Every structure is written in C-alpha cells, then in structure tokens.
C-alpha cells in the first residue's frame, strides 16, 4: 500500500452542520431519514417591471418647462382630469404644493402631479421641478393606477377604464405564456400550468374586483344615457347600480337616475339637519368613556391578572367621574333651557338676569303700554 501512487484528490462536499435537535440518537445511528424538500417554484415572469423599485441612478431631478409637460395619453383619451373642487382645495395651500416635485417620464409624461401642473398653468409658472424616471408608456400608466387608488378624481369606474388600455399587452403576455409549452411548469406532483388571467390582472391594476371589471366591459358596449354615464364617471352612482339599468330604455334610465340622486340629496339634507340640531359632543365624557373601555380590556389581559384590583378601582373611579360629568352637563343644559323659556315668557318690564336678581326696569327703558286706554 505504501508504493501505491496517489491519485487526484477527491473534492468532498463540505459537511452540513445540524442543530442539536436534528442529530439522531445513538440507538438510531445509521437510520437517519432524509426529508424530501419540494423544489422551489420558478418565479412567474411579470409583464411590467416595478417602477417603484427603479435604481436610484435612474431617477434624476430636473427643472422642466411647464409647457413641455403633458398628461398621459390614456387620461386624454378618456377625458379624465382633476375636478374643480380638487384644484380649488390645492390652490388654497399656496406655493407649498410646488415644494414636492412632479413625477414624470423621460418623455415629459406626468405620472404624479397632474393637478399641480394644471394649477401651474393657471398661475403662469414657466418651470416646475420634476423627478424624471425611465418609464415606458405602459409602466407610466401602471404607476398612475398605483398612485391614485384613493377616489379623489379617479374612482373605480375611471380606474377600470384606464386599466383596460393595458389589456392588449396582458393578452400578448398570456399568448407568450401558452406558446412556452410548459416552460414555467412545476415538476413532480405540483404540475400546474401558469396562465395569466387578463381579467384578474386588470382588476389588480385597477384595485377593484373581477366582477366590476366584467360589469364595466358590459356597460361600455351598452346603450346608456349620457346623464347616467356622467354620473358614473363623477362617482355619484356606483358601477353595480348603473349595471342594473343597462337593459332599460334611455328614458327609464334617466328617471331612475333622477330618483336616486333625489334620495341622496334628501338624505344629505337630513344628515346635516340632525348634525346641526343634535346634542353637541362632550370631549371630557368621550375621553373618560374611551379610557374606561380601554381599562376594561386591559383588565381581561392575562398578564394584568395580578393587578386586577387596582384596575378595578380605577375603573370605578372613572365611572363615578363620568357620572358626575354627565350630571353636570345635563344640569347645565336644563338650566339653559329654563333660561331660554324664562326670557321668552318674562314681562316686558322685568329683568330676568339672575346675576342681579329680579328688578324693575327704569321708566325710560319700558315700552309704552299700547293696551292702556286713552
């Protein structure tokens, strides 16, 4: 054996360190079982790259001319723009709205800051500070849908309309996935073809349900009254309500819309009247009530079981204080009500000021007795 030639050294794999709980017992040495780990599923290729995750060097700050900037073509095609109420609310903030730069593409397409750009046009500003990012037309529209999820001027119907402009690209991605012929299939028992559902993709981009996407598609090919469409675009009525009217004649659609808007206006007036004449909120009583509820929930916590007596005493004290505050408030309202009643029913010649007590007014301040004879 000593004269044997040494062959090339074998590259042995590095030992894997196991946790103490994973080391088999001495009685079971040699009988350790290997656990089968399922292979990781390959990531599904996305149709659009995430514009938010762009590298820092792809974004730069530049001063661009206001006239060179432009809205997205999809917004212009759908006739979507910020409402006048939105513009007036921003104008009240003054020059502070221009401290944050606009987000645009390299082609001067506005992604975020459409309303501020409109205000800059009104105020005849020559330049605006912009944050420029390398985005395609589709990526810019995707970013617009992500940014304007709150229904300030893009409601659900408007966002679905914009997301439908991306449907051709989504269908192309679905066809490429089908032509791959199993390229993205998972091996072993987890074989499941990965198909892109265009309706789900459109719903995800618009932030709505797939049912609303189907309803909007049906509304776009239905004969709808102009007033109904405008109410839907402005957010006065919902997609589902207009969808139920799609098979009615134009006259019936207008009649149902007018009735619905009248009911909404009536409910709004009633709500305002109740808020105006209802009892005014008492901040002290509300604070005590919320604190009382919080302490009761804290008392039920397992870790606070040892301090339940102190918490119970504090709850009792708060309930007593809340009762006193509520009684004082009720007494104050009762006193004010009696004072108002006294002012209305008191004689003209008598002063009802409680600070000075009842007394007679001077002769010069009294009104002439019109009922006296003569």
Protein backbone atom coordinates (compact mmCIF):
# COMPACT_ATOMS: atom_id res chain seq x y z
CA UNK A 1 0.00 0.00 0.00
CA UNK A 2 2.94 2.30 0.60
CA UNK A 3 4.01 2.04 -3.03
CA UNK A 4 0.64 2.90 -4.40
CA UNK A 5 0.52 6.06 -6.40
CA UNK A 6 -1.61 8.82 -5.08
CA UNK A 7 -4.49 9.71 -7.35
CA UNK A 8 -6.04 13.11 -7.67
CA UNK A 9 -7.69 14.35 -4.52
CA UNK A 10 -11.46 13.99 -4.46
CA UNK A 11 -13.47 17.16 -3.84
CA UNK A 12 -15.66 16.20 -0.94
CA UNK A 13 -18.69 18.29 -0.12
CA UNK A 14 -18.40 20.44 2.97
CA UNK A 15 -20.15 18.95 5.99
CA UNK A 16 -23.56 20.37 6.87
CA UNK A 17 -23.91 21.48 10.48
CA UNK A 18 -27.13 20.29 12.05
CA UNK A 19 -28.92 21.71 15.03
CA UNK A 20 -28.73 19.53 18.20
CA UNK A 21 -32.39 18.63 17.78
CA UNK A 22 -31.65 17.24 14.31
CA UNK A 23 -28.77 14.89 15.38
CA UNK A 24 -30.08 11.29 15.58
CA UNK A 25 -29.80 9.37 18.86
CA UNK A 26 -27.03 6.83 19.38
CA UNK A 27 -29.52 3.99 19.17
CA UNK A 28 -30.66 5.17 15.76
CA UNK A 29 -27.30 5.91 14.17
CA UNK A 30 -27.26 4.88 10.58
CA UNK A 31 -31.04 5.03 10.36
CA UNK A 32 -31.49 8.77 9.98
CA UNK A 33 -34.13 9.58 7.42
CA UNK A 34 -33.79 12.29 4.84
CA UNK A 35 -36.72 14.64 4.46
CA UNK A 36 -37.80 15.32 0.93
CA UNK A 37 -37.82 19.04 0.21
CA UNK A 38 -40.07 20.09 -2.71
CA UNK A 39 -38.30 22.13 -5.36
CA UNK A 40 -38.86 25.85 -5.32
CA UNK A 41 -41.32 27.07 -7.90
CA UNK A 42 -39.78 29.30 -10.53
CA UNK A 43 -40.89 32.88 -10.29
CA UNK A 44 -43.54 33.83 -12.80
CA UNK A 45 -42.26 36.48 -15.19
CA UNK A 46 -44.07 39.78 -14.71
CA UNK A 47 -45.40 41.68 -17.64
CA UNK A 48 -44.27 45.01 -16.26
CA UNK A 49 -41.19 45.84 -14.27
CA UNK A 50 -41.93 47.51 -10.99
CA UNK A 51 -41.37 51.25 -11.49
CA UNK A 52 -41.19 51.81 -7.74
CA UNK A 53 -38.15 49.55 -7.47
CA UNK A 54 -36.17 51.52 -10.05
CA UNK A 55 -32.47 52.01 -9.21
CA UNK A 56 -31.55 55.36 -7.69
CA UNK A 57 -29.41 56.36 -10.68
CA UNK A 58 -32.47 56.00 -12.97
CA UNK A 59 -34.21 58.91 -11.18
CA UNK A 60 -32.88 62.43 -11.50
CA UNK A 61 -34.10 65.87 -10.54
CA UNK A 62 -34.54 68.36 -13.37
CA UNK A 63 -36.20 71.70 -13.97
CA UNK A 64 -38.64 71.28 -16.88
CA UNK A 65 -40.73 73.85 -18.71
CA UNK A 66 -44.41 73.77 -17.82
CA UNK A 67 -45.49 73.90 -21.47
CA UNK A 68 -43.36 70.83 -22.29
CA UNK A 69 -45.15 68.60 -19.77
CA UNK A 70 -48.23 66.62 -20.83
CA UNK A 71 -50.74 64.21 -19.27
CA UNK A 72 -50.81 60.53 -20.13
CA UNK A 73 -52.49 59.68 -23.43
CA UNK A 74 -54.95 57.34 -21.71
CA UNK A 75 -56.17 60.18 -19.47
CA UNK A 76 -56.68 62.38 -22.52
CA UNK A 77 -58.49 59.64 -24.40
CA UNK A 78 -60.90 59.04 -21.51
CA UNK A 79 -61.27 62.78 -20.84
CA UNK A 80 -60.16 62.41 -17.21
CA UNK A 81 -58.78 65.35 -15.27
CA UNK A 82 -58.85 66.60 -11.66
CA UNK A 83 -62.14 68.16 -10.60
CA UNK A 84 -62.53 71.87 -9.96
CA UNK A 85 -63.08 71.17 -6.25
CA UNK A 86 -59.75 69.34 -6.14
CA UNK A 87 -57.97 72.23 -7.87
CA UNK A 88 -59.51 74.85 -5.58
CA UNK A 89 -58.55 72.86 -2.49
CA UNK A 90 -54.94 72.68 -3.67
CA UNK A 91 -54.81 76.35 -4.63
CA UNK A 92 -55.75 77.30 -1.08
CA UNK A 93 -52.49 75.73 0.11
CA UNK A 94 -50.49 78.32 -1.80
CA UNK A 95 -46.95 77.82 -3.10
CA UNK A 96 -46.36 74.91 -0.70
CA UNK A 97 -47.86 72.49 -3.25
CA UNK A 98 -44.88 73.05 -5.56
CA UNK A 99 -42.30 72.11 -2.93
CA UNK A 100 -42.78 68.45 -3.84
CA UNK A 101 -41.51 67.75 -7.37
CA UNK A 102 -43.69 66.27 -10.06
CA UNK A 103 -43.01 62.69 -11.12
CA UNK A 104 -42.63 62.41 -14.90
CA UNK A 105 -41.10 60.12 -17.51
CA UNK A 106 -38.22 60.95 -19.84
CA UNK A 107 -40.87 61.82 -22.46
CA UNK A 108 -42.37 64.53 -20.18
CA UNK A 109 -45.46 62.41 -19.41
CA UNK A 110 -46.88 63.34 -16.00
CA UNK A 111 -47.21 60.34 -13.69
CA UNK A 112 -47.92 62.13 -10.41
CA UNK A 113 -48.77 65.83 -10.20
CA UNK A 114 -51.47 66.36 -12.82
CA UNK A 115 -53.47 68.75 -10.60
CA UNK A 116 -50.39 70.77 -9.66
CA UNK A 117 -49.48 71.05 -13.35
CA UNK A 118 -52.96 72.44 -14.08
CA UNK A 119 -52.56 75.00 -11.27
CA UNK A 120 -49.12 75.97 -12.57
CA UNK A 121 -50.73 76.68 -15.95
CA UNK A 122 -53.33 78.87 -14.26
CA UNK A 123 -50.67 80.78 -12.35
CA UNK A 124 -48.47 81.05 -15.50
CA UNK A 125 -45.43 79.40 -13.96
CA UNK A 126 -42.66 78.91 -16.50
CA UNK A 127 -40.85 75.94 -14.94
CA UNK A 128 -41.51 73.16 -12.46
CA UNK A 129 -39.14 70.94 -10.51
CA UNK A 130 -39.60 67.37 -11.73
CA UNK A 131 -38.37 63.92 -10.78
CA UNK A 132 -37.58 62.15 -14.05
CA UNK A 133 -37.62 58.35 -14.26
CA UNK A 134 -37.07 55.97 -17.17
CA UNK A 135 -40.54 54.51 -17.71
CA UNK A 136 -42.35 53.26 -20.75
CA UNK A 137 -45.90 54.30 -21.61
CA UNK A 138 -47.33 51.14 -20.07
CA UNK A 139 -45.23 51.40 -16.93
CA UNK A 140 -46.29 55.03 -16.52
CA UNK A 141 -49.97 54.06 -16.71
CA UNK A 142 -49.37 51.29 -14.20
CA UNK A 143 -47.75 53.78 -11.83
CA UNK A 144 -50.69 56.19 -12.27
CA UNK A 145 -53.10 53.44 -11.26
CA UNK A 146 -50.97 52.61 -8.22
CA UNK A 147 -50.69 56.23 -7.12
CA UNK A 148 -54.35 57.25 -7.47
CA UNK A 149 -56.08 54.42 -5.61
CA UNK A 150 -57.98 56.88 -3.44
CA UNK A 151 -61.14 58.12 -5.20
CA UNK A 152 -60.16 61.80 -5.30
CA UNK A 153 -60.71 62.17 -9.04
CA UNK A 154 -60.15 58.60 -10.28
CA UNK A 155 -62.98 56.43 -8.96
CA UNK A 156 -63.41 52.71 -9.58
CA UNK A 157 -65.05 53.16 -12.98
CA UNK A 158 -62.31 55.50 -14.20
CA UNK A 159 -59.52 53.23 -12.99
CA UNK A 160 -61.07 50.21 -14.73
CA UNK A 161 -61.26 52.19 -17.97
CA UNK A 162 -57.58 53.06 -17.70
CA UNK A 163 -56.59 49.51 -16.79
CA UNK A 164 -58.45 48.18 -19.84
CA UNK A 165 -55.97 50.09 -22.01
CA UNK A 166 -53.34 47.63 -20.76
CA UNK A 167 -55.44 44.60 -21.69
CA UNK A 168 -53.84 44.12 -25.17
CA UNK A 169 -50.39 43.84 -23.57
CA UNK A 170 -51.77 41.47 -20.97
CA UNK A 171 -53.26 39.26 -23.68
CA UNK A 172 -49.93 39.23 -25.50
CA UNK A 173 -48.25 38.08 -22.33
CA UNK A 174 -50.85 35.33 -21.95
CA UNK A 175 -50.21 34.13 -25.51
CA UNK A 176 -46.45 34.06 -24.92
CA UNK A 177 -47.03 32.02 -21.78
CA UNK A 178 -49.13 29.49 -23.69
CA UNK A 179 -46.59 29.24 -26.51
CA UNK A 180 -43.84 28.47 -23.99
CA UNK A 181 -45.34 24.95 -23.83
CA UNK A 182 -44.63 24.14 -20.22
CA UNK A 183 -41.55 26.31 -19.75
CA UNK A 184 -42.88 27.60 -16.45
CA UNK A 185 -44.50 24.38 -15.27
CA UNK A 186 -43.52 23.00 -11.89
CA UNK A 187 -42.03 19.47 -11.97
CA UNK A 188 -43.02 16.48 -9.85
CA UNK A 189 -46.58 16.28 -8.46
CA UNK A 190 -47.08 20.03 -8.38
CA UNK A 191 -47.60 20.32 -12.11
CA UNK A 192 -49.92 23.21 -12.81
CA UNK A 193 -49.85 25.37 -15.90
CA UNK A 194 -49.28 29.04 -15.16
CA UNK A 195 -51.73 31.01 -17.23
CA UNK A 196 -52.25 34.73 -16.99
CA UNK A 197 -55.86 35.67 -16.28
CA UNK A 198 -56.32 39.02 -18.02
CA UNK A 199 -59.44 39.87 -16.04
CA UNK A 200 -57.65 39.27 -12.74
CA UNK A 201 -54.67 41.31 -13.92
CA UNK A 202 -56.92 44.22 -14.93
CA UNK A 203 -58.77 44.03 -11.59
CA UNK A 204 -55.46 44.00 -9.68
CA UNK A 205 -54.19 47.05 -11.57
CA UNK A 206 -57.44 48.97 -11.02
CA UNK A 207 -57.83 47.91 -7.39
CA UNK A 208 -61.34 46.50 -7.88
CA UNK A 209 -62.98 43.09 -8.02
CA UNK A 210 -63.12 40.98 -11.15
CA UNK A 211 -66.90 41.33 -11.13
CA UNK A 212 -66.62 45.11 -11.53
CA UNK A 213 -64.28 44.63 -14.48
CA UNK A 214 -66.88 42.44 -16.21
CA UNK A 215 -69.65 44.95 -15.45
CA UNK A 216 -67.65 47.86 -16.85
CA UNK A 217 -66.97 45.91 -20.04
CA UNK A 218 -70.68 45.28 -20.44
CA UNK A 219 -71.52 48.93 -19.75
CA UNK A 220 -69.07 50.14 -22.40
CA UNK A 221 -70.91 48.19 -25.11
CA UNK A 222 -74.42 49.01 -23.84
CA UNK A 223 -76.64 51.92 -24.82
CA UNK A 224 -76.52 54.21 -21.79
CA UNK A 225 -77.97 57.67 -21.27
CA UNK A 226 -75.45 60.48 -21.26
CA UNK A 227 -76.60 61.66 -17.84
CA UNK A 228 -76.13 58.18 -16.39
CA UNK A 229 -72.62 57.90 -17.82
CA UNK A 230 -71.63 61.31 -16.44
CA UNK A 231 -72.99 60.40 -13.01
CA UNK A 232 -70.98 57.18 -13.12
CA UNK A 233 -67.78 58.97 -14.13
CA UNK A 234 -68.22 61.57 -11.38
CA UNK A 235 -68.82 58.89 -8.72
CA UNK A 236 -72.39 59.92 -7.86
CA UNK A 237 -73.63 56.38 -8.50
CA UNK A 238 -71.91 53.01 -8.28
CA UNK A 239 -70.94 50.60 -11.03
CA UNK A 240 -73.42 48.00 -9.82
CA UNK A 241 -76.35 50.44 -9.80
CA UNK A 242 -75.71 51.57 -13.39
CA UNK A 243 -75.11 47.98 -14.47
CA UNK A 244 -78.65 47.10 -13.34
CA UNK A 245 -80.01 49.86 -15.60
CA UNK A 246 -78.18 48.81 -18.76
CA UNK A 247 -81.14 46.91 -20.31
CA UNK A 248 -83.70 49.65 -19.67
CA UNK A 249 -84.74 52.25 -22.24
CA UNK A 250 -82.97 55.59 -22.18
CA UNK A 251 -85.98 57.38 -20.69
CA UNK A 252 -86.31 54.88 -17.86
CA UNK A 253 -82.59 55.17 -17.12
CA UNK A 254 -82.91 58.94 -16.70
CA UNK A 255 -85.97 58.52 -14.48
CA UNK A 256 -84.24 56.01 -12.19
CA UNK A 257 -81.14 58.20 -12.02
CA UNK A 258 -83.13 61.31 -11.07
CA UNK A 259 -84.95 59.39 -8.36
CA UNK A 260 -81.69 58.03 -6.97
CA UNK A 261 -79.99 61.43 -6.90
CA UNK A 262 -83.04 62.98 -5.23
CA UNK A 263 -82.92 60.37 -2.50
CA UNK A 264 -79.22 61.04 -1.94
CA UNK A 265 -79.77 64.80 -1.73
CA UNK A 266 -82.66 64.31 0.70
CA UNK A 267 -80.57 62.03 2.91
CA UNK A 268 -77.73 64.54 2.88
CA UNK A 269 -80.03 67.38 3.98
CA UNK A 270 -81.46 65.26 6.79
CA UNK A 271 -77.98 64.33 7.94
CA UNK A 272 -76.90 67.97 8.04
CA UNK A 273 -80.03 69.00 9.97
CA UNK A 274 -79.50 66.25 12.52
CA UNK A 275 -75.87 67.22 12.93
CA UNK A 276 -76.83 70.87 13.42
CA UNK A 277 -79.61 70.36 15.98
CA UNK A 278 -78.32 67.21 17.66
CA UNK A 279 -76.57 67.17 21.04
CA UNK A 280 -73.08 68.58 20.98
CA UNK A 281 -70.31 66.11 21.82
CA UNK A 282 -68.70 66.36 25.22
CA UNK A 283 -64.92 65.78 24.83
CA UNK A 284 -64.40 65.10 28.53
CA UNK A 285 -67.14 62.49 28.68
CA UNK A 286 -65.92 60.87 25.47
CA UNK A 287 -62.37 60.65 26.80
CA UNK A 288 -63.50 59.11 30.06
CA UNK A 289 -65.69 56.60 28.24
CA UNK A 290 -62.88 55.54 25.89
CA UNK A 291 -60.44 55.26 28.78
CA UNK A 292 -62.95 53.18 30.70
CA UNK A 293 -63.34 50.77 27.78
CA UNK A 294 -59.59 50.50 27.40
CA UNK A 295 -59.08 49.69 31.06
CA UNK A 296 -61.78 47.02 30.93
CA UNK A 297 -59.99 45.40 28.01
CA UNK A 298 -56.68 45.66 29.88
CA UNK A 299 -58.24 44.01 32.89
CA UNK A 300 -59.08 40.94 30.81
CA UNK A 301 -55.49 40.57 29.59
CA UNK A 302 -53.73 37.53 31.15
CA UNK A 303 -50.59 39.46 32.07
CA UNK A 304 -52.58 42.05 34.04
CA UNK A 305 -54.42 39.50 36.20
CA UNK A 306 -52.19 40.33 39.18
CA UNK A 307 -53.21 44.00 39.02
CA UNK A 308 -56.94 43.49 38.54
CA UNK A 309 -57.79 45.07 41.89
CA UNK A 310 -56.01 48.34 41.11
CA UNK A 311 -57.53 48.40 37.63
CA UNK A 312 -60.99 47.74 39.04
CA UNK A 313 -60.61 50.60 41.50
CA UNK A 314 -59.52 52.90 38.69
CA UNK A 315 -62.50 51.82 36.57
CA UNK A 316 -64.85 52.52 39.48
CA UNK A 317 -63.35 55.97 39.96
CA UNK A 318 -63.67 56.75 36.25
CA UNK A 319 -67.29 55.59 36.16
CA UNK A 320 -68.02 57.83 39.15
CA UNK A 321 -66.30 60.77 37.48
CA UNK A 322 -68.14 60.10 34.25
CA UNK A 323 -71.46 60.11 36.14
CA UNK A 324 -70.60 63.47 37.72
CA UNK A 325 -69.60 65.00 34.39
CA UNK A 326 -72.75 63.71 32.72
CA UNK A 327 -74.93 65.03 35.57
CA UNK A 328 -73.28 68.46 35.39
CA UNK A 329 -73.76 68.55 31.65
CA UNK A 330 -77.44 67.59 31.95
CA UNK A 331 -77.99 70.17 34.66
CA UNK A 332 -76.29 72.84 32.56
CA UNK A 333 -78.47 72.05 29.56
CA UNK A 334 -81.58 72.09 31.75
CA UNK A 335 -80.60 75.47 33.19
CA UNK A 336 -80.00 76.92 29.74
CA UNK A 337 -83.36 75.58 28.56
CA UNK A 338 -85.16 77.14 31.53
CA UNK A 339 -83.36 80.43 30.98
CA UNK A 340 -84.44 80.49 27.34
CA UNK A 341 -88.01 79.75 28.38
CA UNK A 342 -87.90 82.48 31.03
CA UNK A 343 -86.63 85.07 28.58
CA UNK A 344 -89.49 84.28 26.22
CA UNK A 345 -92.24 84.39 28.90
CA UNK A 346 -90.99 87.20 31.16
CA UNK A 347 -92.92 90.52 31.24
CA UNK A 348 -91.51 93.35 29.22
CA UNK A 349 -90.88 95.47 32.24
CA UNK A 350 -88.99 92.91 34.33
CA UNK A 351 -85.30 91.98 34.06
CA UNK A 352 -84.58 88.25 34.23
CA UNK A 353 -80.83 88.46 34.70
CA UNK A 354 -80.09 86.03 37.59
CA UNK A 355 -76.79 87.70 38.47
CA UNK A 356 -78.57 90.82 39.66
CA UNK A 357 -81.89 89.30 40.65
CA UNK A 358 -85.36 90.35 39.54
CA UNK A 359 -85.82 94.09 39.48
CA UNK A 360 -87.89 96.69 37.73
CA UNK A 361 -86.50 98.44 34.64
CA UNK A 362 -86.39 102.23 34.65
CA UNK A 363 -89.29 104.15 33.18
CA UNK A 364 -87.23 105.27 30.18
CA UNK A 365 -86.45 101.62 29.23
CA UNK A 366 -90.04 100.47 29.46
CA UNK A 367 -92.15 100.09 26.36
CA UNK A 368 -95.36 102.12 26.21
CA UNK A 369 -98.48 100.26 27.23
CA UNK A 370 -100.33 100.02 23.96
CA UNK A 371 -103.33 98.40 25.58
CA UNK A 372 -103.99 101.24 28.01
CA UNK A 373 -107.00 103.32 27.30
CA UNK A 374 -106.77 106.92 26.13
